[in-house]
């Protein structure tokens, strides 16, 4: 599997390569490494993978799966993940009615 922190770092490198125009598939590679690190329970990777899923960045957009990964990170006391999850749930579109 590899070390989750190193996998997360690779994901960040691939993201930067994409953003700087050096690697057109950078987000796809980044998502793969984020998923690997998230599967090992690394909260920051879980948060970032959830964001990738919510945005469709390097992966197909999947809001229910994004909520799952944000919940995993929030359960490990990542306050930003908890806020992002709350925002996702508040906006609706993932099987819940939008608050009005």
N, C-alpha and C. Protein backbone atom coordinates (compact mmCIF):
# COMPACT_ATOMS: atom_id res chain seq x y z
N UNK A 1 0.80 -1.20 0.00
CA UNK A 1 0.00 0.00 0.00
C UNK A 1 0.84 1.27 0.00
N UNK A 2 1.90 1.29 0.76
CA UNK A 2 2.72 2.49 0.84
C UNK A 2 2.35 3.35 2.04
N UNK A 3 3.11 4.38 2.25
CA UNK A 3 2.91 5.27 3.37
C UNK A 3 1.89 6.34 2.99
N UNK A 4 0.87 6.51 3.80
CA UNK A 4 -0.24 7.41 3.47
C UNK A 4 0.20 8.86 3.32
N UNK A 5 1.14 9.32 4.14
CA UNK A 5 1.60 10.70 4.02
C UNK A 5 2.33 10.91 2.70
N UNK A 6 3.16 9.94 2.32
CA UNK A 6 3.88 10.03 1.04
C UNK A 6 2.91 10.01 -0.13
N UNK A 7 1.87 9.18 -0.03
CA UNK A 7 0.86 9.13 -1.09
C UNK A 7 0.15 10.47 -1.21
N UNK A 8 -0.16 11.07 -0.08
CA UNK A 8 -0.81 12.39 -0.10
C UNK A 8 0.12 13.43 -0.73
N UNK A 9 1.39 13.37 -0.40
CA UNK A 9 2.36 14.30 -0.99
C UNK A 9 2.45 14.12 -2.50
N UNK A 10 2.44 12.88 -2.98
CA UNK A 10 2.44 12.63 -4.41
C UNK A 10 1.20 13.24 -5.07
N UNK A 11 0.07 13.10 -4.41
CA UNK A 11 -1.16 13.69 -4.94
C UNK A 11 -1.02 15.20 -5.08
N UNK A 12 -0.42 15.83 -4.09
CA UNK A 12 -0.23 17.29 -4.15
C UNK A 12 0.72 17.67 -5.28
N UNK A 13 1.76 16.87 -5.49
CA UNK A 13 2.70 17.13 -6.58
C UNK A 13 2.00 17.02 -7.94
N UNK A 14 1.20 15.96 -8.13
CA UNK A 14 0.47 15.80 -9.38
C UNK A 14 -0.54 16.93 -9.59
N UNK A 15 -1.17 17.38 -8.52
CA UNK A 15 -2.10 18.51 -8.63
C UNK A 15 -1.37 19.77 -9.08
N UNK A 16 -0.23 20.05 -8.48
CA UNK A 16 0.54 21.23 -8.86
C UNK A 16 1.03 21.13 -10.31
N UNK A 17 1.45 19.94 -10.73
CA UNK A 17 1.89 19.75 -12.11
C UNK A 17 0.75 20.04 -13.08
N UNK A 18 -0.46 19.62 -12.71
CA UNK A 18 -1.62 19.92 -13.55
C UNK A 18 -1.89 21.42 -13.59
N UNK A 19 -1.90 22.05 -12.42
CA UNK A 19 -2.21 23.47 -12.34
C UNK A 19 -1.20 24.34 -13.08
N UNK A 20 0.02 23.87 -13.16
CA UNK A 20 1.07 24.63 -13.86
C UNK A 20 1.17 24.26 -15.33
N UNK A 21 0.28 23.37 -15.79
CA UNK A 21 0.24 23.01 -17.19
C UNK A 21 1.29 22.01 -17.64
N UNK A 22 1.89 21.29 -16.70
CA UNK A 22 2.94 20.33 -17.04
C UNK A 22 2.43 18.91 -17.24
N UNK A 23 1.23 18.61 -16.73
CA UNK A 23 0.73 17.23 -16.79
C UNK A 23 -0.79 17.27 -16.93
N UNK A 24 -1.27 17.00 -18.14
CA UNK A 24 -2.71 17.14 -18.38
C UNK A 24 -3.53 16.12 -17.60
N UNK A 25 -2.98 14.97 -17.26
CA UNK A 25 -3.69 13.96 -16.46
C UNK A 25 -3.35 14.05 -14.98
N UNK A 26 -2.78 15.14 -14.56
CA UNK A 26 -2.33 15.29 -13.18
C UNK A 26 -3.42 15.08 -12.15
N UNK A 27 -4.63 15.59 -12.41
CA UNK A 27 -5.71 15.43 -11.43
C UNK A 27 -6.15 13.98 -11.31
N UNK A 28 -6.09 13.25 -12.42
CA UNK A 28 -6.46 11.83 -12.38
C UNK A 28 -5.46 11.05 -11.52
N UNK A 29 -4.17 11.32 -11.73
CA UNK A 29 -3.14 10.66 -10.91
C UNK A 29 -3.26 11.08 -9.44
N UNK A 30 -3.52 12.37 -9.22
CA UNK A 30 -3.67 12.87 -7.85
C UNK A 30 -4.82 12.16 -7.15
N UNK A 31 -5.93 12.00 -7.83
CA UNK A 31 -7.09 11.33 -7.23
C UNK A 31 -6.78 9.89 -6.85
N UNK A 32 -6.01 9.22 -7.69
CA UNK A 32 -5.63 7.83 -7.37
C UNK A 32 -4.81 7.75 -6.09
N UNK A 33 -3.84 8.67 -5.96
CA UNK A 33 -3.00 8.66 -4.76
C UNK A 33 -3.77 9.12 -3.53
N UNK A 34 -4.67 10.09 -3.71
CA UNK A 34 -5.51 10.51 -2.58
C UNK A 34 -6.38 9.36 -2.10
N UNK A 35 -6.94 8.62 -3.04
CA UNK A 35 -7.79 7.49 -2.66
C UNK A 35 -6.98 6.45 -1.89
N UNK A 36 -5.77 6.17 -2.35
CA UNK A 36 -4.92 5.19 -1.65
C UNK A 36 -4.63 5.64 -0.22
N UNK A 37 -4.32 6.91 -0.04
CA UNK A 37 -4.03 7.43 1.30
C UNK A 37 -5.30 7.49 2.15
N UNK A 38 -6.41 7.85 1.54
CA UNK A 38 -7.68 7.92 2.26
C UNK A 38 -8.10 6.54 2.75
N UNK A 39 -7.90 5.53 1.93
CA UNK A 39 -8.25 4.15 2.31
C UNK A 39 -7.48 3.70 3.55
N UNK A 40 -6.31 4.28 3.77
CA UNK A 40 -5.50 3.93 4.94
C UNK A 40 -5.90 4.74 6.18
N UNK A 41 -6.88 5.62 6.03
CA UNK A 41 -7.38 6.36 7.19
C UNK A 41 -6.73 7.71 7.43
N UNK A 42 -5.99 8.24 6.47
CA UNK A 42 -5.32 9.53 6.63
C UNK A 42 -6.36 10.64 6.42
N UNK A 43 -6.69 11.35 7.50
CA UNK A 43 -7.80 12.30 7.50
C UNK A 43 -7.65 13.40 6.45
N UNK A 44 -6.47 13.94 6.28
CA UNK A 44 -6.28 15.02 5.30
C UNK A 44 -6.55 14.50 3.89
N UNK A 45 -6.09 13.29 3.60
CA UNK A 45 -6.34 12.69 2.29
C UNK A 45 -7.83 12.39 2.12
N UNK A 46 -8.49 11.96 3.18
CA UNK A 46 -9.93 11.72 3.11
C UNK A 46 -10.67 13.00 2.76
N UNK A 47 -10.27 14.09 3.38
CA UNK A 47 -10.88 15.39 3.10
C UNK A 47 -10.64 15.81 1.65
N UNK A 48 -9.41 15.71 1.21
CA UNK A 48 -9.07 16.13 -0.15
C UNK A 48 -9.70 15.22 -1.20
N UNK A 49 -9.78 13.92 -0.91
CA UNK A 49 -10.44 13.01 -1.85
C UNK A 49 -11.94 13.32 -1.91
N UNK A 50 -12.53 13.62 -0.77
CA UNK A 50 -13.94 14.03 -0.76
C UNK A 50 -14.16 15.28 -1.59
N UNK A 51 -13.26 16.24 -1.48
CA UNK A 51 -13.37 17.45 -2.28
C UNK A 51 -13.23 17.15 -3.77
N UNK A 52 -12.29 16.25 -4.12
CA UNK A 52 -12.12 15.87 -5.52
C UNK A 52 -13.40 15.23 -6.06
N UNK A 53 -14.01 14.37 -5.26
CA UNK A 53 -15.26 13.73 -5.68
C UNK A 53 -16.38 14.74 -5.82
N UNK A 54 -16.45 15.69 -4.91
CA UNK A 54 -17.50 16.71 -4.97
C UNK A 54 -17.35 17.61 -6.20
N UNK A 55 -16.11 17.86 -6.59
CA UNK A 55 -15.84 18.75 -7.72
C UNK A 55 -15.70 18.01 -9.04
N UNK A 56 -15.53 16.70 -8.98
CA UNK A 56 -15.26 15.95 -10.20
C UNK A 56 -13.87 16.23 -10.73
N UNK A 57 -12.92 16.42 -9.82
CA UNK A 57 -11.54 16.74 -10.18
C UNK A 57 -10.70 15.47 -10.24
N UNK A 58 -10.50 14.95 -11.44
CA UNK A 58 -9.70 13.74 -11.63
C UNK A 58 -10.50 12.46 -11.48
N UNK A 59 -11.73 12.58 -11.04
CA UNK A 59 -12.65 11.45 -10.87
C UNK A 59 -14.04 11.92 -11.30
N UNK A 60 -14.93 10.95 -11.51
CA UNK A 60 -16.31 11.32 -11.80
C UNK A 60 -16.91 11.99 -10.57
N UNK A 61 -17.74 12.98 -10.79
CA UNK A 61 -18.39 13.68 -9.67
C UNK A 61 -19.38 12.74 -9.00
N UNK A 62 -19.25 12.60 -7.69
CA UNK A 62 -20.11 11.68 -6.93
C UNK A 62 -20.31 12.27 -5.54
N UNK A 63 -21.43 12.96 -5.34
CA UNK A 63 -21.65 13.69 -4.09
C UNK A 63 -21.85 12.78 -2.89
N UNK A 64 -22.51 11.64 -3.08
CA UNK A 64 -22.71 10.72 -1.95
C UNK A 64 -21.38 10.17 -1.45
N UNK A 65 -20.52 9.81 -2.40
CA UNK A 65 -19.19 9.31 -2.03
C UNK A 65 -18.35 10.42 -1.40
N UNK A 66 -18.49 11.64 -1.91
CA UNK A 66 -17.78 12.78 -1.33
C UNK A 66 -18.18 12.96 0.13
N UNK A 67 -19.48 12.88 0.39
CA UNK A 67 -19.97 13.03 1.77
C UNK A 67 -19.41 11.93 2.67
N UNK A 68 -19.31 10.72 2.13
CA UNK A 68 -18.76 9.61 2.92
C UNK A 68 -17.32 9.90 3.36
N UNK A 69 -16.50 10.38 2.42
CA UNK A 69 -15.10 10.63 2.75
C UNK A 69 -14.94 11.85 3.65
N UNK A 70 -15.75 12.86 3.44
CA UNK A 70 -15.70 14.02 4.33
C UNK A 70 -16.13 13.62 5.74
N UNK A 71 -17.11 12.73 5.84
CA UNK A 71 -17.55 12.23 7.16
C UNK A 71 -16.42 11.47 7.85
N UNK A 72 -15.68 10.67 7.09
CA UNK A 72 -14.55 9.93 7.67
C UNK A 72 -13.51 10.89 8.26
N UNK A 73 -13.20 11.95 7.50
CA UNK A 73 -12.23 12.93 7.99
C UNK A 73 -12.78 13.70 9.18
N UNK A 74 -14.05 14.07 9.11
CA UNK A 74 -14.68 14.82 10.22
C UNK A 74 -14.71 13.98 11.49
N UNK A 75 -14.90 12.67 11.35
CA UNK A 75 -14.92 11.77 12.50
C UNK A 75 -13.57 11.72 13.20
N UNK A 76 -12.51 12.09 12.47
CA UNK A 76 -11.17 12.15 13.05
C UNK A 76 -10.84 13.57 13.53
N UNK A 77 -11.87 14.35 13.72
CA UNK A 77 -11.77 15.70 14.26
C UNK A 77 -11.07 16.70 13.34
N UNK A 78 -11.29 16.55 12.03
CA UNK A 78 -10.81 17.55 11.08
C UNK A 78 -11.91 18.60 10.94
N UNK A 79 -11.70 19.79 11.52
CA UNK A 79 -12.78 20.79 11.53
C UNK A 79 -13.16 21.29 10.14
N UNK A 80 -12.19 21.39 9.24
CA UNK A 80 -12.50 21.84 7.88
C UNK A 80 -13.37 20.81 7.17
N UNK A 81 -13.07 19.53 7.37
CA UNK A 81 -13.88 18.46 6.76
C UNK A 81 -15.30 18.52 7.29
N UNK A 82 -15.44 18.77 8.60
CA UNK A 82 -16.78 18.87 9.19
C UNK A 82 -17.55 20.03 8.59
N UNK A 83 -16.88 21.17 8.40
CA UNK A 83 -17.53 22.33 7.80
C UNK A 83 -17.91 22.07 6.34
N UNK A 84 -17.01 21.43 5.61
CA UNK A 84 -17.29 21.11 4.21
C UNK A 84 -18.45 20.12 4.10
N UNK A 85 -18.48 19.14 4.98
CA UNK A 85 -19.58 18.18 5.00
C UNK A 85 -20.89 18.88 5.31
N UNK A 86 -20.87 19.76 6.29
CA UNK A 86 -22.07 20.52 6.62
C UNK A 86 -22.56 21.34 5.44
N UNK A 87 -21.64 21.97 4.73
CA UNK A 87 -22.00 22.76 3.56
C UNK A 87 -22.60 21.88 2.47
N UNK A 88 -21.99 20.72 2.25
CA UNK A 88 -22.49 19.79 1.24
C UNK A 88 -23.90 19.32 1.59
N UNK A 89 -24.11 18.98 2.83
CA UNK A 89 -25.43 18.53 3.26
C UNK A 89 -26.45 19.67 3.21
N UNK A 90 -26.03 20.87 3.58
CA UNK A 90 -26.93 22.03 3.57
C UNK A 90 -27.40 22.34 2.16
N UNK A 91 -26.50 22.19 1.20
CA UNK A 91 -26.85 22.49 -0.19
C UNK A 91 -27.75 21.42 -0.80
N UNK A 92 -27.77 20.24 -0.20
CA UNK A 92 -28.62 19.16 -0.71
C UNK A 92 -28.03 18.52 -1.95
N UNK A 93 -28.87 17.79 -2.65
CA UNK A 93 -28.42 17.14 -3.87
C UNK A 93 -27.78 15.79 -3.66
N UNK A 94 -27.76 15.29 -2.43
CA UNK A 94 -27.17 13.97 -2.17
C UNK A 94 -28.16 13.08 -1.46
N UNK A 95 -29.38 13.13 -1.90
CA UNK A 95 -30.39 12.29 -1.30
C UNK A 95 -31.11 12.93 -0.14
N UNK A 96 -30.74 14.15 0.20
CA UNK A 96 -31.40 14.90 1.26
C UNK A 96 -32.07 16.12 0.67
N UNK A 97 -33.14 16.55 1.29
CA UNK A 97 -33.79 17.79 0.83
C UNK A 97 -32.94 18.98 1.24
N UNK A 98 -32.92 19.97 0.38
CA UNK A 98 -32.19 21.21 0.67
C UNK A 98 -32.94 21.98 1.76
N UNK A 99 -32.18 22.47 2.76
CA UNK A 99 -32.79 23.33 3.78
C UNK A 99 -33.25 24.62 3.14
N UNK A 100 -34.38 25.12 3.60
CA UNK A 100 -34.88 26.38 3.04
C UNK A 100 -35.17 27.33 4.18
